[in-house]
């Protein structure tokens, strides 16, 4: 990722944090016992028309490392 894209991403993350403080608080409240290899994160999107899409991710050790990096940056 080039430096300009990284700056844009950081700006968008800040906006997301400001607009969705409960989501950020939820992520920050998760302990290492919650986010560990084999845990499953489920994502559900519901459109204004009521259509839903669901996906889940079974966490790997690489995912855990990514979460640690994100958490250490204050995300």
N, C-alpha and C. Protein backbone atom coordinates (compact mmCIF):
# COMPACT_ATOMS: atom_id res chain seq x y z
N UNK A 1 0.85 -1.17 0.00
CA UNK A 1 0.00 0.00 0.00
C UNK A 1 0.90 1.24 0.00
N UNK A 2 0.59 2.16 -0.86
CA UNK A 2 1.42 3.36 -0.93
C UNK A 2 1.06 4.32 0.22
N UNK A 3 1.96 5.24 0.54
CA UNK A 3 1.74 6.14 1.68
C UNK A 3 0.46 6.97 1.59
N UNK A 4 0.10 7.40 0.42
CA UNK A 4 -1.12 8.19 0.27
C UNK A 4 -2.35 7.34 0.59
N UNK A 5 -2.36 6.11 0.11
CA UNK A 5 -3.47 5.20 0.41
C UNK A 5 -3.54 4.91 1.90
N UNK A 6 -2.38 4.77 2.54
CA UNK A 6 -2.35 4.51 3.98
C UNK A 6 -2.93 5.70 4.75
N UNK A 7 -2.61 6.90 4.32
CA UNK A 7 -3.14 8.09 4.98
C UNK A 7 -4.65 8.19 4.78
N UNK A 8 -5.12 7.86 3.59
CA UNK A 8 -6.55 7.87 3.32
C UNK A 8 -7.26 6.83 4.18
N UNK A 9 -6.68 5.63 4.29
CA UNK A 9 -7.28 4.57 5.11
C UNK A 9 -7.34 5.01 6.57
N UNK A 10 -6.28 5.62 7.07
CA UNK A 10 -6.26 6.09 8.46
C UNK A 10 -7.35 7.13 8.69
N UNK A 11 -7.54 8.01 7.73
CA UNK A 11 -8.60 9.02 7.83
C UNK A 11 -9.98 8.39 7.85
N UNK A 12 -10.19 7.39 7.00
CA UNK A 12 -11.49 6.71 6.95
C UNK A 12 -11.74 5.94 8.25
N UNK A 13 -10.70 5.33 8.81
CA UNK A 13 -10.86 4.61 10.08
C UNK A 13 -11.25 5.58 11.18
N UNK A 14 -10.64 6.76 11.19
CA UNK A 14 -10.99 7.77 12.19
C UNK A 14 -12.45 8.18 12.06
N UNK A 15 -12.91 8.39 10.85
CA UNK A 15 -14.32 8.75 10.63
C UNK A 15 -15.23 7.62 11.11
N UNK A 16 -14.88 6.37 10.79
CA UNK A 16 -15.67 5.22 11.24
C UNK A 16 -15.73 5.19 12.76
N UNK A 17 -14.60 5.43 13.43
CA UNK A 17 -14.57 5.45 14.89
C UNK A 17 -15.49 6.52 15.45
N UNK A 18 -15.51 7.67 14.84
CA UNK A 18 -16.36 8.77 15.31
C UNK A 18 -17.83 8.48 15.08
N UNK A 19 -18.16 7.86 13.96
CA UNK A 19 -19.56 7.62 13.62
C UNK A 19 -20.12 6.36 14.26
N UNK A 20 -19.26 5.43 14.66
CA UNK A 20 -19.71 4.15 15.19
C UNK A 20 -18.95 3.78 16.47
N UNK A 21 -19.05 4.60 17.51
CA UNK A 21 -18.27 4.34 18.73
C UNK A 21 -18.61 3.02 19.41
N UNK A 22 -19.85 2.56 19.29
CA UNK A 22 -20.22 1.29 19.92
C UNK A 22 -19.50 0.11 19.25
N UNK A 23 -19.32 0.18 17.94
CA UNK A 23 -18.62 -0.90 17.24
C UNK A 23 -17.16 -0.95 17.68
N UNK A 24 -16.54 0.20 17.79
CA UNK A 24 -15.14 0.25 18.21
C UNK A 24 -15.02 -0.20 19.66
N UNK A 25 -15.94 0.24 20.51
CA UNK A 25 -15.91 -0.17 21.93
C UNK A 25 -16.07 -1.68 22.05
N UNK A 26 -16.93 -2.26 21.22
CA UNK A 26 -17.12 -3.72 21.24
C UNK A 26 -15.83 -4.43 20.87
N UNK A 27 -15.20 -4.00 19.80
CA UNK A 27 -13.95 -4.62 19.36
C UNK A 27 -12.88 -4.49 20.44
N UNK A 28 -12.78 -3.31 21.04
CA UNK A 28 -11.77 -3.08 22.06
C UNK A 28 -12.05 -3.88 23.33
N UNK A 29 -13.32 -4.21 23.58
CA UNK A 29 -13.67 -4.95 24.80
C UNK A 29 -13.34 -6.43 24.71
N UNK A 30 -13.08 -6.93 23.52
CA UNK A 30 -12.76 -8.34 23.36
C UNK A 30 -11.39 -8.63 23.96
N UNK A 31 -11.34 -9.67 24.77
CA UNK A 31 -10.07 -10.03 25.39
C UNK A 31 -9.33 -11.04 24.52
N UNK A 32 -8.12 -11.37 24.93
CA UNK A 32 -7.36 -12.39 24.20
C UNK A 32 -8.04 -13.74 24.27
N UNK A 33 -8.85 -13.97 25.31
CA UNK A 33 -9.58 -15.24 25.39
C UNK A 33 -10.71 -15.30 24.37
N UNK A 34 -11.21 -14.14 23.95
CA UNK A 34 -12.27 -14.10 22.95
C UNK A 34 -11.70 -14.22 21.54
N UNK A 35 -10.60 -13.53 21.31
CA UNK A 35 -9.98 -13.50 19.99
C UNK A 35 -8.76 -14.41 20.02
N UNK A 36 -8.99 -15.67 19.69
CA UNK A 36 -7.88 -16.63 19.64
C UNK A 36 -8.12 -17.58 18.48
N UNK A 37 -7.09 -18.30 18.12
CA UNK A 37 -7.17 -19.21 16.98
C UNK A 37 -8.34 -20.17 17.17
N UNK A 38 -9.14 -20.31 16.13
CA UNK A 38 -10.30 -21.19 16.16
C UNK A 38 -11.60 -20.47 16.48
N UNK A 39 -11.52 -19.24 17.04
CA UNK A 39 -12.73 -18.45 17.27
C UNK A 39 -13.35 -18.09 15.92
N UNK A 40 -14.65 -17.87 15.91
CA UNK A 40 -15.35 -17.53 14.66
C UNK A 40 -15.96 -16.14 14.79
N UNK A 41 -15.69 -15.31 13.80
CA UNK A 41 -16.31 -13.99 13.71
C UNK A 41 -17.37 -14.09 12.62
N UNK A 42 -18.58 -13.65 12.94
CA UNK A 42 -19.68 -13.68 11.97
C UNK A 42 -20.04 -12.25 11.60
N UNK A 43 -20.20 -12.02 10.31
CA UNK A 43 -20.60 -10.71 9.80
C UNK A 43 -21.96 -10.85 9.13
N UNK A 44 -22.86 -9.94 9.46
CA UNK A 44 -24.19 -9.95 8.84
C UNK A 44 -24.50 -8.55 8.34
N UNK A 45 -24.92 -8.47 7.10
CA UNK A 45 -25.31 -7.20 6.50
C UNK A 45 -26.77 -7.29 6.11
N UNK A 46 -27.56 -6.30 6.53
CA UNK A 46 -28.97 -6.22 6.16
C UNK A 46 -29.19 -4.92 5.42
N UNK A 47 -29.66 -5.02 4.17
CA UNK A 47 -29.91 -3.82 3.37
C UNK A 47 -31.17 -3.13 3.87
N UNK A 48 -31.38 -1.87 3.49
CA UNK A 48 -32.62 -1.18 3.87
C UNK A 48 -33.88 -1.93 3.38
N UNK A 49 -33.73 -2.72 2.31
CA UNK A 49 -34.87 -3.49 1.79
C UNK A 49 -35.09 -4.80 2.55
N UNK A 50 -34.19 -5.14 3.45
CA UNK A 50 -34.35 -6.36 4.25
C UNK A 50 -33.54 -7.56 3.77
N UNK A 51 -32.82 -7.44 2.68
CA UNK A 51 -31.99 -8.54 2.19
C UNK A 51 -30.80 -8.71 3.14
N UNK A 52 -30.50 -9.95 3.51
CA UNK A 52 -29.37 -10.19 4.40
C UNK A 52 -28.32 -11.07 3.74
N UNK A 53 -27.09 -10.79 4.10
CA UNK A 53 -25.96 -11.61 3.68
C UNK A 53 -25.14 -11.89 4.94
N UNK A 54 -24.72 -13.14 5.10
CA UNK A 54 -23.97 -13.54 6.29
C UNK A 54 -22.71 -14.28 5.86
N UNK A 55 -21.62 -14.00 6.54
CA UNK A 55 -20.37 -14.72 6.32
C UNK A 55 -19.69 -14.90 7.66
N UNK A 56 -18.86 -15.93 7.76
CA UNK A 56 -18.09 -16.07 8.99
C UNK A 56 -16.65 -16.41 8.65
N UNK A 57 -15.81 -16.08 9.61
CA UNK A 57 -14.37 -16.26 9.45
C UNK A 57 -13.86 -17.02 10.66
N UNK A 58 -13.24 -18.18 10.42
CA UNK A 58 -12.60 -18.91 11.51
C UNK A 58 -11.17 -18.39 11.61
N UNK A 59 -10.84 -17.83 12.77
CA UNK A 59 -9.57 -17.14 12.93
C UNK A 59 -8.37 -18.08 12.92
N UNK A 60 -7.33 -17.63 12.22
CA UNK A 60 -6.06 -18.34 12.17
C UNK A 60 -5.04 -17.58 13.02
N UNK A 61 -3.86 -18.15 13.18
CA UNK A 61 -2.82 -17.46 13.94
C UNK A 61 -2.42 -16.15 13.25
N UNK A 62 -2.44 -16.12 11.93
CA UNK A 62 -2.15 -14.87 11.20
C UNK A 62 -3.20 -13.81 11.50
N UNK A 63 -4.47 -14.22 11.57
CA UNK A 63 -5.54 -13.28 11.91
C UNK A 63 -5.33 -12.68 13.30
N UNK A 64 -4.92 -13.52 14.24
CA UNK A 64 -4.69 -13.07 15.61
C UNK A 64 -3.59 -12.01 15.63
N UNK A 65 -2.53 -12.24 14.88
CA UNK A 65 -1.45 -11.27 14.80
C UNK A 65 -1.95 -9.94 14.23
N UNK A 66 -2.81 -10.00 13.22
CA UNK A 66 -3.39 -8.79 12.64
C UNK A 66 -4.21 -8.04 13.67
N UNK A 67 -5.04 -8.75 14.45
CA UNK A 67 -5.84 -8.12 15.51
C UNK A 67 -4.93 -7.45 16.53
N UNK A 68 -3.85 -8.10 16.90
CA UNK A 68 -2.92 -7.52 17.88
C UNK A 68 -2.32 -6.22 17.35
N UNK A 69 -1.95 -6.23 16.07
CA UNK A 69 -1.38 -5.02 15.47
C UNK A 69 -2.42 -3.90 15.45
N UNK A 70 -3.64 -4.22 15.02
CA UNK A 70 -4.70 -3.22 14.98
C UNK A 70 -4.99 -2.67 16.36
N UNK A 71 -5.07 -3.55 17.35
CA UNK A 71 -5.38 -3.14 18.72
C UNK A 71 -4.27 -2.23 19.26
N UNK A 72 -3.02 -2.55 18.92
CA UNK A 72 -1.90 -1.73 19.42
C UNK A 72 -1.87 -0.35 18.78
N UNK A 73 -2.50 -0.20 17.62
CA UNK A 73 -2.55 1.11 16.97
C UNK A 73 -3.74 1.93 17.43
N UNK A 74 -4.56 1.36 18.31
CA UNK A 74 -5.69 2.10 18.84
C UNK A 74 -6.98 1.93 18.06
N UNK A 75 -6.99 1.05 17.10
CA UNK A 75 -8.22 0.82 16.30
C UNK A 75 -9.17 -0.01 17.12
